[in-house]
């Protein structure tokens, strides 16, 4: 199996709009563009677009109660691993 794609912070930051929304959670990068309109928190996800959203993601208590659902949502939108080397 091929290694996951590495996504730099620079590349991640280019995907920071409602029409092209990537974010990183726990070292993985996800394309959440198509999910934004169905996100239960409305446009709140937009504030983290193009960034490492791990801290904010973990602050939302609802994310802890629907873990399996969130894992499924994220798995379908996986882009690659965040390259933390600058």
C-alpha atoms as a PDB file:
ATOM      1  CA  UNK A   1       0.000   0.000   0.000  1.00  0.00           C
ATOM      2  CA  UNK A   2       1.272   3.471  -0.871  1.00  0.00           C
ATOM      3  CA  UNK A   3       2.197   5.935   1.824  1.00  0.00           C
ATOM      4  CA  UNK A   4      -0.370   8.658   2.518  1.00  0.00           C
ATOM      5  CA  UNK A   5       0.131  11.945   0.718  1.00  0.00           C
ATOM      6  CA  UNK A   6       1.966  14.596   2.750  1.00  0.00           C
ATOM      7  CA  UNK A   7       0.255  17.982   2.909  1.00  0.00           C
ATOM      8  CA  UNK A   8       2.291  21.021   3.928  1.00  0.00           C
ATOM      9  CA  UNK A   9       0.926  23.852   6.070  1.00  0.00           C
ATOM     10  CA  UNK A  10       1.371  26.077   3.011  1.00  0.00           C
ATOM     11  CA  UNK A  11      -0.811  23.819   0.852  1.00  0.00           C
ATOM     12  CA  UNK A  12      -3.388  23.441   3.634  1.00  0.00           C
ATOM     13  CA  UNK A  13      -3.667  27.227   3.968  1.00  0.00           C
ATOM     14  CA  UNK A  14      -4.651  27.545   0.292  1.00  0.00           C
ATOM     15  CA  UNK A  15      -7.908  25.680   0.972  1.00  0.00           C
ATOM     16  CA  UNK A  16      -9.605  28.208   3.241  1.00  0.00           C
ATOM     17  CA  UNK A  17     -12.953  29.115   1.728  1.00  0.00           C
ATOM     18  CA  UNK A  18     -16.478  27.720   1.693  1.00  0.00           C
ATOM     19  CA  UNK A  19     -15.881  26.553  -1.875  1.00  0.00           C
ATOM     20  CA  UNK A  20     -12.572  24.839  -1.061  1.00  0.00           C
ATOM     21  CA  UNK A  21     -12.326  23.884   2.603  1.00  0.00           C
ATOM     22  CA  UNK A  22      -9.590  21.673   4.009  1.00  0.00           C
ATOM     23  CA  UNK A  23      -8.699  21.317   7.657  1.00  0.00           C
ATOM     24  CA  UNK A  24      -6.363  19.195   9.734  1.00  0.00           C
ATOM     25  CA  UNK A  25      -7.348  17.152  12.780  1.00  0.00           C
ATOM     26  CA  UNK A  26      -4.859  15.051  14.728  1.00  0.00           C
ATOM     27  CA  UNK A  27      -2.273  15.214  11.962  1.00  0.00           C
ATOM     28  CA  UNK A  28      -4.619  14.241   9.125  1.00  0.00           C
ATOM     29  CA  UNK A  29      -5.969  16.568   6.451  1.00  0.00           C
ATOM     30  CA  UNK A  30      -9.567  16.397   5.263  1.00  0.00           C
ATOM     31  CA  UNK A  31     -11.456  18.032   2.394  1.00  0.00           C
ATOM     32  CA  UNK A  32     -14.649  19.194   4.097  1.00  0.00           C
ATOM     33  CA  UNK A  33     -15.953  21.293   1.203  1.00  0.00           C
ATOM     34  CA  UNK A  34     -18.932  19.074   0.387  1.00  0.00           C
ATOM     35  CA  UNK A  35     -19.753  18.483   4.062  1.00  0.00           C
ATOM     36  CA  UNK A  36     -19.949  22.150   5.061  1.00  0.00           C
ATOM     37  CA  UNK A  37     -23.594  22.586   4.024  1.00  0.00           C
ATOM     38  CA  UNK A  38     -24.600  19.565   6.142  1.00  0.00           C
ATOM     39  CA  UNK A  39     -22.437  20.355   9.164  1.00  0.00           C
ATOM     40  CA  UNK A  40     -24.651  20.454  12.296  1.00  0.00           C
ATOM     41  CA  UNK A  41     -22.682  23.457  13.547  1.00  0.00           C
ATOM     42  CA  UNK A  42     -23.505  25.457  10.455  1.00  0.00           C
ATOM     43  CA  UNK A  43     -20.661  27.539   9.100  1.00  0.00           C
ATOM     44  CA  UNK A  44     -18.596  27.264  12.308  1.00  0.00           C
ATOM     45  CA  UNK A  45     -16.178  24.965  10.491  1.00  0.00           C
ATOM     46  CA  UNK A  46     -15.287  27.846   8.172  1.00  0.00           C
ATOM     47  CA  UNK A  47     -13.372  29.555  10.995  1.00  0.00           C
ATOM     48  CA  UNK A  48     -10.871  26.677  10.924  1.00  0.00           C
ATOM     49  CA  UNK A  49     -10.604  26.389   7.138  1.00  0.00           C
ATOM     50  CA  UNK A  50      -7.053  25.981   5.917  1.00  0.00           C
ATOM     51  CA  UNK A  51      -5.724  25.436   9.449  1.00  0.00           C
ATOM     52  CA  UNK A  52      -4.917  22.797  12.036  1.00  0.00           C
ATOM     53  CA  UNK A  53      -8.318  22.555  13.726  1.00  0.00           C
ATOM     54  CA  UNK A  54      -7.381  19.897  16.289  1.00  0.00           C
ATOM     55  CA  UNK A  55      -7.708  22.076  19.398  1.00  0.00           C
ATOM     56  CA  UNK A  56     -11.048  23.585  18.395  1.00  0.00           C
ATOM     57  CA  UNK A  57     -12.384  20.217  17.242  1.00  0.00           C
ATOM     58  CA  UNK A  58     -11.666  18.691  20.657  1.00  0.00           C
ATOM     59  CA  UNK A  59     -13.378  21.588  22.458  1.00  0.00           C
ATOM     60  CA  UNK A  60     -16.766  20.748  20.917  1.00  0.00           C
ATOM     61  CA  UNK A  61     -18.487  18.292  23.240  1.00  0.00           C
ATOM     62  CA  UNK A  62     -20.773  16.979  20.483  1.00  0.00           C
ATOM     63  CA  UNK A  63     -17.721  15.576  18.712  1.00  0.00           C
ATOM     64  CA  UNK A  64     -17.188  13.248  21.681  1.00  0.00           C
ATOM     65  CA  UNK A  65     -20.722  11.886  21.659  1.00  0.00           C
ATOM     66  CA  UNK A  66     -20.969  10.942  17.994  1.00  0.00           C
ATOM     67  CA  UNK A  67     -17.491   9.506  17.522  1.00  0.00           C
ATOM     68  CA  UNK A  68     -18.358   6.727  15.050  1.00  0.00           C
ATOM     69  CA  UNK A  69     -20.354   9.093  12.832  1.00  0.00           C
ATOM     70  CA  UNK A  70     -17.501  11.609  12.794  1.00  0.00           C
ATOM     71  CA  UNK A  71     -14.948   8.898  12.001  1.00  0.00           C
ATOM     72  CA  UNK A  72     -17.057   7.861   9.000  1.00  0.00           C
ATOM     73  CA  UNK A  73     -17.403  11.467   7.825  1.00  0.00           C
ATOM     74  CA  UNK A  74     -13.657  12.078   8.110  1.00  0.00           C
ATOM     75  CA  UNK A  75     -12.610   8.761   6.558  1.00  0.00           C
ATOM     76  CA  UNK A  76     -14.530   9.608   3.376  1.00  0.00           C
ATOM     77  CA  UNK A  77     -12.807  13.000   3.133  1.00  0.00           C
ATOM     78  CA  UNK A  78      -9.187  12.058   3.909  1.00  0.00           C
ATOM     79  CA  UNK A  79      -6.638  13.912   1.773  1.00  0.00           C
ATOM     80  CA  UNK A  80      -3.368  12.979   3.484  1.00  0.00           C
ATOM     81  CA  UNK A  81      -1.144  13.527   6.485  1.00  0.00           C
ATOM     82  CA  UNK A  82      -0.114  16.976   7.654  1.00  0.00           C
ATOM     83  CA  UNK A  83       3.607  17.434   7.150  1.00  0.00           C
ATOM     84  CA  UNK A  84       4.590  19.150  10.385  1.00  0.00           C
ATOM     85  CA  UNK A  85       8.127  19.836   9.186  1.00  0.00           C
ATOM     86  CA  UNK A  86       8.589  23.439   8.072  1.00  0.00           C
END
